[in-house]
C-alpha atoms as a PDB file:
ATOM      1  CA  UNK A   1      82.761 130.399  65.488  1.00  0.00           C
ATOM      2  CA  UNK A   2      82.691 131.718  68.746  1.00  0.00           C
ATOM      3  CA  UNK A   3      80.479 129.227  71.242  1.00  0.00           C
ATOM      4  CA  UNK A   4      77.690 132.525  71.490  1.00  0.00           C
ATOM      5  CA  UNK A   5      76.989 132.279  67.819  1.00  0.00           C
ATOM      6  CA  UNK A   6      74.842 128.794  68.043  1.00  0.00           C
ATOM      7  CA  UNK A   7      72.683 130.463  70.808  1.00  0.00           C
ATOM      8  CA  UNK A   8      72.392 133.860  69.270  1.00  0.00           C
ATOM      9  CA  UNK A   9      71.234 132.279  65.712  1.00  0.00           C
ATOM     10  CA  UNK A  10      68.968 130.300  67.562  1.00  0.00           C
ATOM     11  CA  UNK A  11      67.202 133.632  69.368  1.00  0.00           C
ATOM     12  CA  UNK A  12      67.418 135.400  66.325  1.00  0.00           C
ATOM     13  CA  UNK A  13      65.651 133.001  64.491  1.00  0.00           C
ATOM     14  CA  UNK A  14      62.555 132.652  67.132  1.00  0.00           C
ATOM     15  CA  UNK A  15      62.052 136.453  66.774  1.00  0.00           C
ATOM     16  CA  UNK A  16      62.206 136.096  62.968  1.00  0.00           C
ATOM     17  CA  UNK A  17      65.288 138.311  62.581  1.00  0.00           C
ATOM     18  CA  UNK A  18      67.658 135.841  61.464  1.00  0.00           C
ATOM     19  CA  UNK A  19      68.957 135.933  57.874  1.00  0.00           C
ATOM     20  CA  UNK A  20      67.627 132.679  55.491  1.00  0.00           C
ATOM     21  CA  UNK A  21      68.116 131.786  51.998  1.00  0.00           C
ATOM     22  CA  UNK A  22      65.334 130.317  50.068  1.00  0.00           C
ATOM     23  CA  UNK A  23      66.901 128.355  47.118  1.00  0.00           C
ATOM     24  CA  UNK A  24      64.811 126.801  44.412  1.00  0.00           C
ATOM     25  CA  UNK A  25      65.827 124.639  41.949  1.00  0.00           C
ATOM     26  CA  UNK A  26      64.119 122.567  38.881  1.00  0.00           C
ATOM     27  CA  UNK A  27      65.053 118.685  38.144  1.00  0.00           C
ATOM     28  CA  UNK A  28      64.970 118.387  40.721  1.00  0.00           C
ATOM     29  CA  UNK A  29      62.118 120.207  42.231  1.00  0.00           C
ATOM     30  CA  UNK A  30      62.980 121.131  45.617  1.00  0.00           C
ATOM     31  CA  UNK A  31      62.881 124.025  47.508  1.00  0.00           C
ATOM     32  CA  UNK A  32      66.271 124.337  49.914  1.00  0.00           C
ATOM     33  CA  UNK A  33      66.218 126.678  53.087  1.00  0.00           C
ATOM     34  CA  UNK A  34      69.763 127.796  54.087  1.00  0.00           C
ATOM     35  CA  UNK A  35      70.527 129.259  57.168  1.00  0.00           C
ATOM     36  CA  UNK A  36      70.117 130.734  59.796  1.00  0.00           C
ATOM     37  CA  UNK A  37      72.747 134.075  60.036  1.00  0.00           C
ATOM     38  CA  UNK A  38      72.912 136.913  62.235  1.00  0.00           C
ATOM     39  CA  UNK A  39      74.200 139.197  59.306  1.00  0.00           C
ATOM     40  CA  UNK A  40      73.131 139.246  55.552  1.00  0.00           C
ATOM     41  CA  UNK A  41      76.832 139.561  54.294  1.00  0.00           C
ATOM     42  CA  UNK A  42      77.781 136.068  56.128  1.00  0.00           C
ATOM     43  CA  UNK A  43      74.780 134.781  54.462  1.00  0.00           C
ATOM     44  CA  UNK A  44      75.677 135.736  51.335  1.00  0.00           C
ATOM     45  CA  UNK A  45      79.521 134.596  51.575  1.00  0.00           C
ATOM     46  CA  UNK A  46      78.227 130.939  52.941  1.00  0.00           C
ATOM     47  CA  UNK A  47      75.850 131.004  50.270  1.00  0.00           C
ATOM     48  CA  UNK A  48      77.853 131.232  46.988  1.00  0.00           C
ATOM     49  CA  UNK A  49      79.344 127.508  47.835  1.00  0.00           C
ATOM     50  CA  UNK A  50      76.225 125.783  48.624  1.00  0.00           C
ATOM     51  CA  UNK A  51      74.950 127.378  44.991  1.00  0.00           C
ATOM     52  CA  UNK A  52      77.964 125.721  43.498  1.00  0.00           C
ATOM     53  CA  UNK A  53      77.549 122.704  44.632  1.00  0.00           C
ATOM     54  CA  UNK A  54      73.799 122.527  43.857  1.00  0.00           C
ATOM     55  CA  UNK A  55      75.232 123.200  40.328  1.00  0.00           C
ATOM     56  CA  UNK A  56      77.925 120.494  40.049  1.00  0.00           C
ATOM     57  CA  UNK A  57      74.989 118.359  40.902  1.00  0.00           C
ATOM     58  CA  UNK A  58      73.031 119.159  38.267  1.00  0.00           C
ATOM     59  CA  UNK A  59      70.439 120.704  39.677  1.00  0.00           C
ATOM     60  CA  UNK A  60      68.355 123.152  36.849  1.00  0.00           C
ATOM     61  CA  UNK A  61      67.110 126.775  37.114  1.00  0.00           C
ATOM     62  CA  UNK A  62      68.237 127.762  40.083  1.00  0.00           C
ATOM     63  CA  UNK A  63      66.804 130.803  42.034  1.00  0.00           C
ATOM     64  CA  UNK A  64      67.760 132.422  45.277  1.00  0.00           C
ATOM     65  CA  UNK A  65      66.016 134.945  47.686  1.00  0.00           C
ATOM     66  CA  UNK A  66      67.453 136.328  50.534  1.00  0.00           C
ATOM     67  CA  UNK A  67      65.293 137.183  53.516  1.00  0.00           C
ATOM     68  CA  UNK A  68      64.697 137.553  57.111  1.00  0.00           C
ATOM     69  CA  UNK A  69      62.364 135.003  58.635  1.00  0.00           C
ATOM     70  CA  UNK A  70      61.738 132.614  61.113  1.00  0.00           C
ATOM     71  CA  UNK A  71      62.406 129.207  60.192  1.00  0.00           C
ATOM     72  CA  UNK A  72      62.235 125.429  61.395  1.00  0.00           C
ATOM     73  CA  UNK A  73      62.221 121.893  59.758  1.00  0.00           C
ATOM     74  CA  UNK A  74      61.726 120.747  57.178  1.00  0.00           C
ATOM     75  CA  UNK A  75      64.643 122.354  55.655  1.00  0.00           C
ATOM     76  CA  UNK A  76      64.521 120.436  52.583  1.00  0.00           C
ATOM     77  CA  UNK A  77      60.962 120.644  50.545  1.00  0.00           C
ATOM     78  CA  UNK A  78      60.520 118.257  47.468  1.00  0.00           C
ATOM     79  CA  UNK A  79      57.935 118.736  45.201  1.00  0.00           C
ATOM     80  CA  UNK A  80      54.695 116.798  46.144  1.00  0.00           C
ATOM     81  CA  UNK A  81      55.977 116.682  49.819  1.00  0.00           C
END
């Protein structure tokens, strides 16, 4: 990763132009925000190992949506929080 990527991601996120994936699981009921990325293709390539990791940890009913958004903490939200 070049030294400019992190600041560019931050700027894109601040303007709501960054690519994010909202990943929702059941058992446990958790929403994960995965990102930010400058390009949708980069997000999708990085998302596959993340989804595989969730499956290996036993998460059920994994659904995801790719969108452009502005996000901040928290990036992991559990049911009831």
